[in-house]
Amino acid sequence: MEYSDKWLGKLGGGLGASVVAGFSVCQAEVWSMAGGRVPMRVLITGKRLGLTANAEAGHYIVLVTGVRSPSCFHEIKSKGVDWVLTIGGKADAVVKSTGKLGRALWSASKSAGNWAAQESAKKAVQGAMGDFNLPTKEPGFILLPTPLATGLGAGLYYEWQTLVKLGDDIAWEYVKPNWWLEVNQRNVLLHMDSIPEQDDVTIPLQITQKVFGPDNILRFSNRINGPLTTVIRANVKRGRLYDTNGTMGVVLSDRQIGGVTEIGMLTVSRKTRDFSGKTIDIAINVARSDSGTNLYKWSSREYAKVTINQHGLMESSPDHLRFKK
């Protein structure tokens, strides 16, 4: 059997889940059965997934088929509905039978590193392909229950589920990051978690000022009276925001605010502006590129007040920690 297009992961047992627009959104790591040291982080959405992901008894194995490389992980639809239809009235019985398969795979998943490439996992999947008529050719995925999850029956499969790779723009539609400000000895730090990006990815941030009409994009300099830019670059590790120097959180108070980019209906204009001694409302945005436009992967709907000192640096915030869960 060829394993280069197959991936395994696990879902449930208290792993993170959130609800967006009526759908449960669960995060998982899938490993290539062909080998490799780094898993692919994905999001799986479905109306009933929250029942399994938040429950300690809700353990599921994620089997992805028909995907040869990480670049092919786009928006993949579940094959669970098609699978249940092919086995007809035997659905609940077959789902209970797959508990044995789930037990074997869950046991393998307790090993460190790429457990999906172990012989025990390969043997279990090879048997499943024949015994349960699982889909194999086109990109798809299915959830296989462990014994503790079989009580939910086949009903879980009678819904369309979607799997997307963290880092794809569409992943930002399913996840709402949390952000908050930390004030420490007149240093203002920006924190963010639940970021739907792979580890060690650099993302461009923009900070906007609340005004009447479209928000102004703040323009910063990394030194007093230096060149201005609207983009603050930051790194992502385990869904958290890190400064490019490796520290958790991005220091905002060492960047001088020297102006704004105003976005009009038909025009974009850059203007210098003195913010010394003012208190303004700011929001956080994740830009699609470093180009400085107002095209965003994600925009915060919340604002926080920050006070600017006489040098144009953020000095304090009465709203620090306001948006942290």
C-alpha atoms as a PDB file:
ATOM      1  CA  MET A   1       0.000   0.000   0.000  1.00  0.00           C
ATOM      2  CA  GLU A   2       1.192   3.508  -0.805  1.00  0.00           C
ATOM      3  CA  TYR A   3       1.489   5.801   2.210  1.00  0.00           C
ATOM      4  CA  SER A   4       2.854   8.966   0.578  1.00  0.00           C
ATOM      5  CA  ASP A   5      -0.693  10.408   0.237  1.00  0.00           C
ATOM      6  CA  LYS A   6      -1.980   9.429   3.684  1.00  0.00           C
ATOM      7  CA  TRP A   7      -1.860  11.343   6.957  1.00  0.00           C
ATOM      8  CA  LEU A   8      -2.942  10.560  10.520  1.00  0.00           C
ATOM      9  CA  GLY A   9      -3.821  12.794  13.442  1.00  0.00           C
ATOM     10  CA  LYS A  10      -5.918  12.740  16.598  1.00  0.00           C
ATOM     11  CA  LEU A  11      -8.819  14.877  17.699  1.00  0.00           C
ATOM     12  CA  GLY A  12     -10.580  15.193  21.040  1.00  0.00           C
ATOM     13  CA  GLY A  13      -9.706  14.461  24.602  1.00  0.00           C
ATOM     14  CA  GLY A  14      -9.937  18.086  25.649  1.00  0.00           C
ATOM     15  CA  LEU A  15      -8.036  19.502  22.668  1.00  0.00           C
ATOM     16  CA  GLY A  16      -8.955  23.062  21.766  1.00  0.00           C
ATOM     17  CA  ALA A  17     -12.282  23.785  20.097  1.00  0.00           C
ATOM     18  CA  SER A  18     -14.283  26.937  19.484  1.00  0.00           C
ATOM     19  CA  VAL A  19     -17.629  27.779  17.941  1.00  0.00           C
ATOM     20  CA  VAL A  20     -17.822  30.187  14.987  1.00  0.00           C
ATOM     21  CA  ALA A  21     -21.114  30.879  13.186  1.00  0.00           C
ATOM     22  CA  GLY A  22     -22.710  27.723  14.582  1.00  0.00           C
ATOM     23  CA  PHE A  23     -19.825  25.451  13.576  1.00  0.00           C
ATOM     24  CA  SER A  24     -17.388  23.784  15.936  1.00  0.00           C
ATOM     25  CA  VAL A  25     -13.792  24.437  14.922  1.00  0.00           C
ATOM     26  CA  CYS A  26     -11.217  21.961  16.197  1.00  0.00           C
ATOM     27  CA  GLN A  27      -7.460  22.002  15.771  1.00  0.00           C
ATOM     28  CA  ALA A  28      -5.383  18.898  15.106  1.00  0.00           C
ATOM     29  CA  GLU A  29      -1.899  17.881  14.022  1.00  0.00           C
ATOM     30  CA  VAL A  30      -1.625  15.345  11.207  1.00  0.00           C
ATOM     31  CA  TRP A  31       1.521  13.390  10.418  1.00  0.00           C
ATOM     32  CA  SER A  32       2.591  11.963   7.076  1.00  0.00           C
ATOM     33  CA  MET A  33       2.530   8.154   7.063  1.00  0.00           C
ATOM     34  CA  ALA A  34       5.468   8.251   4.654  1.00  0.00           C
ATOM     35  CA  GLY A  35       7.674   9.835   7.332  1.00  0.00           C
ATOM     36  CA  GLY A  36       8.802  13.309   8.338  1.00  0.00           C
ATOM     37  CA  ARG A  37       9.624  15.076  11.585  1.00  0.00           C
ATOM     38  CA  VAL A  38       7.144  17.949  11.481  1.00  0.00           C
ATOM     39  CA  PRO A  39       3.339  17.570  11.604  1.00  0.00           C
ATOM     40  CA  MET A  40       0.884  19.644   9.600  1.00  0.00           C
ATOM     41  CA  ARG A  41      -1.470  21.722  11.750  1.00  0.00           C
ATOM     42  CA  VAL A  42      -5.045  21.763  10.451  1.00  0.00           C
ATOM     43  CA  LEU A  43      -8.520  22.953  11.391  1.00  0.00           C
ATOM     44  CA  ILE A  44     -11.567  20.702  11.136  1.00  0.00           C
ATOM     45  CA  THR A  45     -15.055  22.222  11.164  1.00  0.00           C
ATOM     46  CA  GLY A  46     -18.459  20.633  11.692  1.00  0.00           C
ATOM     47  CA  LYS A  47     -21.660  21.278  13.594  1.00  0.00           C
ATOM     48  CA  ARG A  48     -21.242  18.317  15.964  1.00  0.00           C
ATOM     49  CA  LEU A  49     -17.482  18.283  16.404  1.00  0.00           C
ATOM     50  CA  GLY A  50     -17.632  20.289  19.603  1.00  0.00           C
ATOM     51  CA  LEU A  51     -19.364  17.358  21.267  1.00  0.00           C
ATOM     52  CA  THR A  52     -16.303  15.227  20.664  1.00  0.00           C
ATOM     53  CA  ALA A  53     -13.444  17.684  20.909  1.00  0.00           C
ATOM     54  CA  ASN A  54     -14.415  19.160  24.268  1.00  0.00           C
ATOM     55  CA  ALA A  55     -15.312  15.869  25.928  1.00  0.00           C
ATOM     56  CA  GLU A  56     -12.603  13.827  27.595  1.00  0.00           C
ATOM     57  CA  ALA A  57     -14.250  10.735  26.064  1.00  0.00           C
ATOM     58  CA  GLY A  58     -14.369  12.234  22.586  1.00  0.00           C
ATOM     59  CA  HIS A  59     -11.280  10.679  21.050  1.00  0.00           C
ATOM     60  CA  TYR A  60     -11.113  10.436  17.275  1.00  0.00           C
ATOM     61  CA  ILE A  61      -8.443   9.539  14.766  1.00  0.00           C
ATOM     62  CA  VAL A  62      -8.244  11.766  11.678  1.00  0.00           C
ATOM     63  CA  LEU A  63      -7.336   9.846   8.520  1.00  0.00           C
ATOM     64  CA  VAL A  64      -6.546  12.021   5.486  1.00  0.00           C
ATOM     65  CA  THR A  65      -6.176  10.351   2.090  1.00  0.00           C
ATOM     66  CA  GLY A  66      -5.278  11.453  -1.420  1.00  0.00           C
ATOM     67  CA  VAL A  67      -2.968  14.312  -0.337  1.00  0.00           C
ATOM     68  CA  ARG A  68       0.653  13.906  -1.413  1.00  0.00           C
ATOM     69  CA  SER A  69       2.264  17.056  -0.013  1.00  0.00           C
ATOM     70  CA  PRO A  70       1.574  19.927   2.408  1.00  0.00           C
ATOM     71  CA  SER A  71       1.004  22.241  -0.570  1.00  0.00           C
ATOM     72  CA  CYS A  72      -2.058  20.148  -1.499  1.00  0.00           C
ATOM     73  CA  PHE A  73      -3.744  20.806   1.854  1.00  0.00           C
ATOM     74  CA  HIS A  74      -6.336  23.349   0.870  1.00  0.00           C
ATOM     75  CA  GLU A  75     -10.037  23.050   1.683  1.00  0.00           C
ATOM     76  CA  ILE A  76     -10.751  19.321   1.892  1.00  0.00           C
ATOM     77  CA  LYS A  77     -14.275  17.976   2.294  1.00  0.00           C
ATOM     78  CA  SER A  78     -15.008  14.997   4.520  1.00  0.00           C
ATOM     79  CA  LYS A  79     -15.750  11.666   2.859  1.00  0.00           C
ATOM     80  CA  GLY A  80     -17.705  10.537   5.927  1.00  0.00           C
ATOM     81  CA  VAL A  81     -21.134  11.109   4.386  1.00  0.00           C
ATOM     82  CA  ASP A  82     -20.244   9.159   1.240  1.00  0.00           C
ATOM     83  CA  TRP A  83     -18.762   6.393   3.349  1.00  0.00           C
ATOM     84  CA  VAL A  84     -21.837   5.994   5.545  1.00  0.00           C
ATOM     85  CA  LEU A  85     -24.079   5.930   2.475  1.00  0.00           C
ATOM     86  CA  THR A  86     -22.049   3.085   0.952  1.00  0.00           C
ATOM     87  CA  ILE A  87     -22.469   0.907   4.028  1.00  0.00           C
ATOM     88  CA  GLY A  88     -26.158   1.816   4.383  1.00  0.00           C
ATOM     89  CA  GLY A  89     -28.038   0.344   7.339  1.00  0.00           C
ATOM     90  CA  LYS A  90     -24.869  -1.167   8.778  1.00  0.00           C
ATOM     91  CA  ALA A  91     -23.548   2.255   9.672  1.00  0.00           C
ATOM     92  CA  ASP A  92     -23.792   2.081  13.460  1.00  0.00           C
ATOM     93  CA  ALA A  93     -22.455  -1.472  13.563  1.00  0.00           C
ATOM     94  CA  VAL A  94     -19.494  -0.602  11.353  1.00  0.00           C
ATOM     95  CA  VAL A  95     -18.715   2.515  13.372  1.00  0.00           C
ATOM     96  CA  LYS A  96     -18.601   0.370  16.509  1.00  0.00           C
ATOM     97  CA  SER A  97     -16.330  -2.084  14.729  1.00  0.00           C
ATOM     98  CA  THR A  98     -13.928   0.695  13.810  1.00  0.00           C
ATOM     99  CA  GLY A  99     -13.393   1.169  17.530  1.00  0.00           C
ATOM    100  CA  LYS A 100     -10.829  -1.639  17.342  1.00  0.00           C
ATOM    101  CA  LEU A 101      -9.013   0.269  14.612  1.00  0.00           C
ATOM    102  CA  GLY A 102      -9.245   3.461  16.649  1.00  0.00           C
ATOM    103  CA  ARG A 103      -7.828   1.688  19.687  1.00  0.00           C
ATOM    104  CA  ALA A 104      -4.790   0.528  17.738  1.00  0.00           C
ATOM    105  CA  LEU A 105      -4.153   3.934  16.215  1.00  0.00           C
ATOM    106  CA  TRP A 106      -4.719   5.781  19.483  1.00  0.00           C
ATOM    107  CA  SER A 107      -2.206   3.503  21.149  1.00  0.00           C
ATOM    108  CA  ALA A 108       0.317   4.264  18.415  1.00  0.00           C
ATOM    109  CA  SER A 109      -0.344   8.004  18.741  1.00  0.00           C
ATOM    110  CA  LYS A 110       1.010   8.013  22.292  1.00  0.00           C
ATOM    111  CA  SER A 111       4.523   7.553  20.933  1.00  0.00           C
ATOM    112  CA  ALA A 112       6.769  10.574  20.545  1.00  0.00           C
ATOM    113  CA  GLY A 113       7.417  12.029  17.109  1.00  0.00           C
ATOM    114  CA  ASN A 114       5.841  10.797  13.896  1.00  0.00           C
ATOM    115  CA  TRP A 115       3.697   7.969  15.219  1.00  0.00           C
ATOM    116  CA  ALA A 116       1.820   7.762  11.890  1.00  0.00           C
ATOM    117  CA  ALA A 117       4.888   6.274  10.184  1.00  0.00           C
ATOM    118  CA  GLN A 118       5.132   3.379  12.648  1.00  0.00           C
ATOM    119  CA  GLU A 119       4.476  -0.122  11.364  1.00  0.00           C
ATOM    120  CA  SER A 120       1.601  -0.624  13.818  1.00  0.00           C
ATOM    121  CA  ALA A 121      -0.204   2.424  12.417  1.00  0.00           C
ATOM    122  CA  LYS A 122       0.444   1.376   8.814  1.00  0.00           C
ATOM    123  CA  LYS A 123      -0.859  -2.133   9.496  1.00  0.00           C
ATOM    124  CA  ALA A 124      -4.045  -0.762  11.068  1.00  0.00           C
ATOM    125  CA  VAL A 125      -4.727   1.615   8.173  1.00  0.00           C
ATOM    126  CA  GLN A 126      -4.015  -1.058   5.588  1.00  0.00           C
ATOM    127  CA  GLY A 127      -6.598  -3.303   7.209  1.00  0.00           C
ATOM    128  CA  ALA A 128      -9.132  -0.469   7.410  1.00  0.00           C
ATOM    129  CA  MET A 129      -8.886   0.288   3.704  1.00  0.00           C
ATOM    130  CA  GLY A 130     -10.096  -3.187   2.871  1.00  0.00           C
ATOM    131  CA  ASP A 131     -12.453  -3.935   5.737  1.00  0.00           C
ATOM    132  CA  PHE A 132     -14.404  -0.669   5.777  1.00  0.00           C
ATOM    133  CA  ASN A 133     -14.201   0.528   2.153  1.00  0.00           C
ATOM    134  CA  LEU A 134     -12.606   3.812   3.149  1.00  0.00           C
ATOM    135  CA  PRO A 135     -12.063   6.401   0.373  1.00  0.00           C
ATOM    136  CA  THR A 136      -8.503   6.501  -0.931  1.00  0.00           C
ATOM    137  CA  LYS A 137      -8.036   8.188  -4.312  1.00  0.00           C
ATOM    138  CA  GLU A 138      -9.242  11.795  -4.226  1.00  0.00           C
ATOM    139  CA  PRO A 139      -8.388  14.196  -1.369  1.00  0.00           C
ATOM    140  CA  GLY A 140     -10.655  13.528   1.582  1.00  0.00           C
ATOM    141  CA  PHE A 141     -10.676  12.680   5.263  1.00  0.00           C
ATOM    142  CA  ILE A 142     -12.698  10.718   7.764  1.00  0.00           C
ATOM    143  CA  LEU A 143     -12.932  10.539  11.554  1.00  0.00           C
ATOM    144  CA  LEU A 144     -12.440   7.092  13.079  1.00  0.00           C
ATOM    145  CA  PRO A 145     -13.696   6.659  16.652  1.00  0.00           C
ATOM    146  CA  THR A 146     -11.748   5.062  19.444  1.00  0.00           C
ATOM    147  CA  PRO A 147     -13.749   2.778  21.760  1.00  0.00           C
ATOM    148  CA  LEU A 148     -14.587   5.659  24.103  1.00  0.00           C
ATOM    149  CA  ALA A 149     -16.210   7.637  21.269  1.00  0.00           C
ATOM    150  CA  THR A 150     -18.338   4.941  19.652  1.00  0.00           C
ATOM    151  CA  GLY A 151     -21.374   5.888  21.740  1.00  0.00           C
ATOM    152  CA  LEU A 152     -21.970   8.854  19.456  1.00  0.00           C
ATOM    153  CA  GLY A 153     -22.826   6.444  16.651  1.00  0.00           C
ATOM    154  CA  ALA A 154     -22.748   7.102  12.915  1.00  0.00           C
ATOM    155  CA  GLY A 155     -24.712  10.350  13.207  1.00  0.00           C
ATOM    156  CA  LEU A 156     -21.434  12.261  13.339  1.00  0.00           C
ATOM    157  CA  TYR A 157     -20.799  11.308   9.722  1.00  0.00           C
ATOM    158  CA  TYR A 158     -24.115  12.627   8.417  1.00  0.00           C
ATOM    159  CA  GLU A 159     -22.791  16.152   8.118  1.00  0.00           C
ATOM    160  CA  TRP A 160     -20.384  17.855   5.777  1.00  0.00           C
ATOM    161  CA  GLN A 161     -17.118  18.538   7.527  1.00  0.00           C
ATOM    162  CA  THR A 162     -14.205  20.586   6.210  1.00  0.00           C
ATOM    163  CA  LEU A 163     -10.459  20.400   6.822  1.00  0.00           C
ATOM    164  CA  VAL A 164      -8.177  23.349   6.079  1.00  0.00           C
ATOM    165  CA  LYS A 165      -4.463  23.869   6.648  1.00  0.00           C
ATOM    166  CA  LEU A 166      -3.381  26.457   9.163  1.00  0.00           C
ATOM    167  CA  GLY A 167      -1.801  29.273   7.187  1.00  0.00           C
ATOM    168  CA  ASP A 168      -4.279  29.223   4.325  1.00  0.00           C
ATOM    169  CA  ASP A 169      -6.281  32.442   4.142  1.00  0.00           C
ATOM    170  CA  ILE A 170      -9.506  30.495   4.574  1.00  0.00           C
ATOM    171  CA  ALA A 171      -8.338  29.313   8.019  1.00  0.00           C
ATOM    172  CA  TRP A 172      -8.698  32.897   9.254  1.00  0.00           C
ATOM    173  CA  GLU A 173     -12.401  32.728   8.434  1.00  0.00           C
ATOM    174  CA  TYR A 174     -12.872  29.962  10.988  1.00  0.00           C
ATOM    175  CA  VAL A 175     -10.736  31.267  13.857  1.00  0.00           C
ATOM    176  CA  LYS A 176     -10.933  34.456  15.866  1.00  0.00           C
ATOM    177  CA  PRO A 177      -7.547  35.188  17.490  1.00  0.00           C
ATOM    178  CA  ASN A 178      -7.423  36.755  20.943  1.00  0.00           C
ATOM    179  CA  TRP A 179      -5.309  39.861  21.429  1.00  0.00           C
ATOM    180  CA  TRP A 180      -4.480  41.996  24.419  1.00  0.00           C
ATOM    181  CA  LEU A 181      -2.021  44.617  25.602  1.00  0.00           C
ATOM    182  CA  GLU A 182       0.388  44.215  28.491  1.00  0.00           C
ATOM    183  CA  VAL A 183       1.786  47.297  30.225  1.00  0.00           C
ATOM    184  CA  ASN A 184       5.027  46.720  32.109  1.00  0.00           C
ATOM    185  CA  GLN A 185       7.189  49.588  33.362  1.00  0.00           C
ATOM    186  CA  ARG A 186       5.899  51.913  30.621  1.00  0.00           C
ATOM    187  CA  ASN A 187       6.442  49.253  27.986  1.00  0.00           C
ATOM    188  CA  VAL A 188       3.359  48.386  25.960  1.00  0.00           C
ATOM    189  CA  LEU A 189       3.425  44.850  24.551  1.00  0.00           C
ATOM    190  CA  LEU A 190       1.007  43.308  22.070  1.00  0.00           C
ATOM    191  CA  HIS A 191       0.046  39.672  22.667  1.00  0.00           C
ATOM    192  CA  MET A 192      -2.047  37.390  20.476  1.00  0.00           C
ATOM    193  CA  ASP A 193      -2.980  33.710  20.599  1.00  0.00           C
ATOM    194  CA  SER A 194      -5.117  31.237  18.626  1.00  0.00           C
ATOM    195  CA  ILE A 195      -3.317  32.359  15.452  1.00  0.00           C
ATOM    196  CA  PRO A 196      -4.164  29.928  12.602  1.00  0.00           C
ATOM    197  CA  GLU A 197      -0.657  29.791  11.144  1.00  0.00           C
ATOM    198  CA  GLN A 198       2.082  27.171  11.072  1.00  0.00           C
ATOM    199  CA  ASP A 199       5.037  27.496  13.446  1.00  0.00           C
ATOM    200  CA  ASP A 200       7.887  29.862  12.533  1.00  0.00           C
ATOM    201  CA  VAL A 201       5.801  31.819  10.036  1.00  0.00           C
ATOM    202  CA  THR A 202       6.264  35.597   9.942  1.00  0.00           C
ATOM    203  CA  ILE A 203       3.062  37.629   9.681  1.00  0.00           C
ATOM    204  CA  PRO A 204       2.670  41.349   8.859  1.00  0.00           C
ATOM    205  CA  LEU A 205       0.623  43.314  11.404  1.00  0.00           C
ATOM    206  CA  GLN A 206      -0.954  46.718  10.992  1.00  0.00           C
ATOM    207  CA  ILE A 207      -2.377  48.915  13.738  1.00  0.00           C
ATOM    208  CA  THR A 208      -5.271  51.178  12.873  1.00  0.00           C
ATOM    209  CA  GLN A 209      -6.618  54.266  14.620  1.00  0.00           C
ATOM    210  CA  LYS A 210     -10.356  54.555  15.119  1.00  0.00           C
ATOM    211  CA  VAL A 211     -11.699  57.584  13.231  1.00  0.00           C
ATOM    212  CA  PHE A 212     -14.937  58.519  11.491  1.00  0.00           C
ATOM    213  CA  GLY A 213     -15.045  56.490   8.282  1.00  0.00           C
ATOM    214  CA  PRO A 214     -12.343  53.935   7.361  1.00  0.00           C
ATOM    215  CA  ASP A 215      -9.708  53.622  10.094  1.00  0.00           C
ATOM    216  CA  ASN A 216      -6.344  55.297   9.594  1.00  0.00           C
ATOM    217  CA  ILE A 217      -3.325  52.973   9.438  1.00  0.00           C
ATOM    218  CA  LEU A 218      -0.612  54.119  11.846  1.00  0.00           C
ATOM    219  CA  ARG A 219       2.864  54.669  10.422  1.00  0.00           C
ATOM    220  CA  PHE A 220       5.801  53.771  12.681  1.00  0.00           C
ATOM    221  CA  SER A 221       9.528  54.210  12.815  1.00  0.00           C
ATOM    222  CA  ASN A 222      11.855  51.858  14.684  1.00  0.00           C
ATOM    223  CA  ARG A 223      13.898  54.860  15.791  1.00  0.00           C
ATOM    224  CA  ILE A 224      13.271  58.528  16.468  1.00  0.00           C
ATOM    225  CA  ASN A 225      12.657  60.392  13.185  1.00  0.00           C
ATOM    226  CA  GLY A 226      13.526  57.290  11.139  1.00  0.00           C
ATOM    227  CA  PRO A 227      11.754  56.033   7.972  1.00  0.00           C
ATOM    228  CA  LEU A 228       8.078  55.227   8.439  1.00  0.00           C
ATOM    229  CA  THR A 229       6.244  51.992   7.689  1.00  0.00           C
ATOM    230  CA  THR A 230       2.756  50.668   8.376  1.00  0.00           C
ATOM    231  CA  VAL A 231       3.897  47.062   8.843  1.00  0.00           C
ATOM    232  CA  ILE A 232       5.093  45.406  12.045  1.00  0.00           C
ATOM    233  CA  ARG A 233       6.519  41.943  11.424  1.00  0.00           C
ATOM    234  CA  ALA A 234       6.070  39.224  14.033  1.00  0.00           C
ATOM    235  CA  ASN A 235       6.623  35.474  14.300  1.00  0.00           C
ATOM    236  CA  VAL A 236       4.202  32.696  15.239  1.00  0.00           C
ATOM    237  CA  LYS A 237       4.984  29.734  17.482  1.00  0.00           C
ATOM    238  CA  ARG A 238       2.292  27.336  18.711  1.00  0.00           C
ATOM    239  CA  GLY A 239      -0.352  29.872  17.802  1.00  0.00           C
ATOM    240  CA  ARG A 240       1.234  32.658  19.890  1.00  0.00           C
ATOM    241  CA  LEU A 241       2.755  35.961  18.773  1.00  0.00           C
ATOM    242  CA  TYR A 242       6.512  36.491  19.167  1.00  0.00           C
ATOM    243  CA  ASP A 243       8.769  39.411  18.369  1.00  0.00           C
ATOM    244  CA  THR A 244      11.328  38.802  15.644  1.00  0.00           C
ATOM    245  CA  ASN A 245      14.010  38.813  18.370  1.00  0.00           C
ATOM    246  CA  GLY A 246      12.420  35.677  19.883  1.00  0.00           C
ATOM    247  CA  THR A 247      10.607  37.163  22.905  1.00  0.00           C
ATOM    248  CA  MET A 248       6.914  36.500  23.469  1.00  0.00           C
ATOM    249  CA  GLY A 249       4.807  39.526  22.525  1.00  0.00           C
ATOM    250  CA  VAL A 250       5.655  42.489  20.313  1.00  0.00           C
ATOM    251  CA  VAL A 251       6.922  45.665  21.978  1.00  0.00           C
ATOM    252  CA  LEU A 252       4.922  48.616  20.638  1.00  0.00           C
ATOM    253  CA  SER A 253       6.398  51.286  22.891  1.00  0.00           C
ATOM    254  CA  ASP A 254       9.759  51.372  21.083  1.00  0.00           C
ATOM    255  CA  ARG A 255       8.164  52.399  17.786  1.00  0.00           C
ATOM    256  CA  GLN A 256       7.589  56.108  17.186  1.00  0.00           C
ATOM    257  CA  ILE A 257       4.264  57.014  15.594  1.00  0.00           C
ATOM    258  CA  GLY A 258       5.009  59.562  12.883  1.00  0.00           C
ATOM    259  CA  GLY A 259       1.884  59.666  10.761  1.00  0.00           C
ATOM    260  CA  VAL A 260      -0.983  57.763   9.196  1.00  0.00           C
ATOM    261  CA  THR A 261      -2.114  56.305   5.906  1.00  0.00           C
ATOM    262  CA  GLU A 262      -5.629  57.526   5.177  1.00  0.00           C
ATOM    263  CA  ILE A 263      -7.819  55.242   3.104  1.00  0.00           C
ATOM    264  CA  GLY A 264     -10.469  57.091   1.103  1.00  0.00           C
ATOM    265  CA  MET A 265     -13.111  55.821  -1.288  1.00  0.00           C
ATOM    266  CA  LEU A 266     -10.810  56.301  -4.287  1.00  0.00           C
ATOM    267  CA  THR A 267      -7.565  57.568  -2.795  1.00  0.00           C
ATOM    268  CA  VAL A 268      -4.801  56.529  -0.415  1.00  0.00           C
ATOM    269  CA  SER A 269      -2.733  59.312   1.147  1.00  0.00           C
ATOM    270  CA  ARG A 270       0.179  59.341   3.596  1.00  0.00           C
ATOM    271  CA  LYS A 271       0.246  62.155   6.119  1.00  0.00           C
ATOM    272  CA  THR A 272       2.556  63.142   8.954  1.00  0.00           C
ATOM    273  CA  ARG A 273       0.828  63.729  12.254  1.00  0.00           C
ATOM    274  CA  ASP A 274       1.843  64.635  15.788  1.00  0.00           C
ATOM    275  CA  PHE A 275       0.309  62.248  18.350  1.00  0.00           C
ATOM    276  CA  SER A 276       2.283  63.575  21.330  1.00  0.00           C
ATOM    277  CA  GLY A 277       0.230  63.605  24.536  1.00  0.00           C
ATOM    278  CA  LYS A 278      -2.867  62.119  22.881  1.00  0.00           C
ATOM    279  CA  THR A 279      -4.955  59.087  23.776  1.00  0.00           C
ATOM    280  CA  ILE A 280      -6.228  57.147  20.778  1.00  0.00           C
ATOM    281  CA  ASP A 281      -8.222  53.959  20.115  1.00  0.00           C
ATOM    282  CA  ILE A 282      -6.348  51.277  18.207  1.00  0.00           C
ATOM    283  CA  ALA A 283      -7.236  47.920  16.617  1.00  0.00           C
ATOM    284  CA  ILE A 284      -5.031  45.076  15.374  1.00  0.00           C
ATOM    285  CA  ASN A 285      -5.070  43.698  11.825  1.00  0.00           C
ATOM    286  CA  VAL A 286      -3.217  40.873  10.090  1.00  0.00           C
ATOM    287  CA  ALA A 287      -2.279  42.055   6.601  1.00  0.00           C
ATOM    288  CA  ARG A 288      -2.137  39.900   3.498  1.00  0.00           C
ATOM    289  CA  SER A 289       1.278  41.283   2.550  1.00  0.00           C
ATOM    290  CA  ASP A 290       3.938  43.869   3.420  1.00  0.00           C
ATOM    291  CA  SER A 291       2.634  46.255   0.775  1.00  0.00           C
ATOM    292  CA  GLY A 292       0.974  48.578   3.283  1.00  0.00           C
ATOM    293  CA  THR A 293      -2.542  48.371   1.850  1.00  0.00           C
ATOM    294  CA  ASN A 294      -5.653  47.748   3.925  1.00  0.00           C
ATOM    295  CA  LEU A 295      -6.175  44.205   2.612  1.00  0.00           C
ATOM    296  CA  TYR A 296      -6.403  41.975   5.663  1.00  0.00           C
ATOM    297  CA  LYS A 297      -6.606  38.285   6.480  1.00  0.00           C
ATOM    298  CA  TRP A 298      -8.195  39.263   9.762  1.00  0.00           C
ATOM    299  CA  SER A 299      -9.315  42.501  11.439  1.00  0.00           C
ATOM    300  CA  SER A 300     -10.083  43.015  15.086  1.00  0.00           C
ATOM    301  CA  ARG A 301     -13.507  44.351  15.967  1.00  0.00           C
ATOM    302  CA  GLU A 302     -12.298  45.474  19.376  1.00  0.00           C
ATOM    303  CA  TYR A 303     -10.372  48.631  20.188  1.00  0.00           C
ATOM    304  CA  ALA A 304      -8.058  49.508  23.032  1.00  0.00           C
ATOM    305  CA  LYS A 305      -7.057  52.966  24.249  1.00  0.00           C
ATOM    306  CA  VAL A 306      -3.360  53.860  24.350  1.00  0.00           C
ATOM    307  CA  THR A 307      -1.679  57.010  25.584  1.00  0.00           C
ATOM    308  CA  ILE A 308       1.140  58.539  23.528  1.00  0.00           C
ATOM    309  CA  ASN A 309       4.011  60.357  25.269  1.00  0.00           C
ATOM    310  CA  GLN A 310       5.834  63.515  24.149  1.00  0.00           C
ATOM    311  CA  HIS A 311       8.132  61.484  21.877  1.00  0.00           C
ATOM    312  CA  GLY A 312       5.301  59.851  19.948  1.00  0.00           C
ATOM    313  CA  LEU A 313       5.710  56.488  21.724  1.00  0.00           C
ATOM    314  CA  MET A 314       2.932  54.405  23.245  1.00  0.00           C
ATOM    315  CA  GLU A 315       3.355  54.696  26.982  1.00  0.00           C
ATOM    316  CA  SER A 316       0.313  53.225  28.713  1.00  0.00           C
ATOM    317  CA  SER A 317      -3.118  51.718  28.182  1.00  0.00           C
ATOM    318  CA  PRO A 318      -6.131  51.685  30.501  1.00  0.00           C
ATOM    319  CA  ASP A 319      -7.483  48.771  28.451  1.00  0.00           C
ATOM    320  CA  HIS A 320      -4.548  46.368  28.894  1.00  0.00           C
ATOM    321  CA  LEU A 321      -5.594  42.720  29.230  1.00  0.00           C
ATOM    322  CA  ARG A 322      -9.115  43.702  28.215  1.00  0.00           C
ATOM    323  CA  PHE A 323      -9.516  41.201  25.376  1.00  0.00           C
ATOM    324  CA  LYS A 324      -7.727  38.209  26.849  1.00  0.00           C
ATOM    325  CA  LYS A 325      -9.978  35.197  27.460  1.00  0.00           C
END
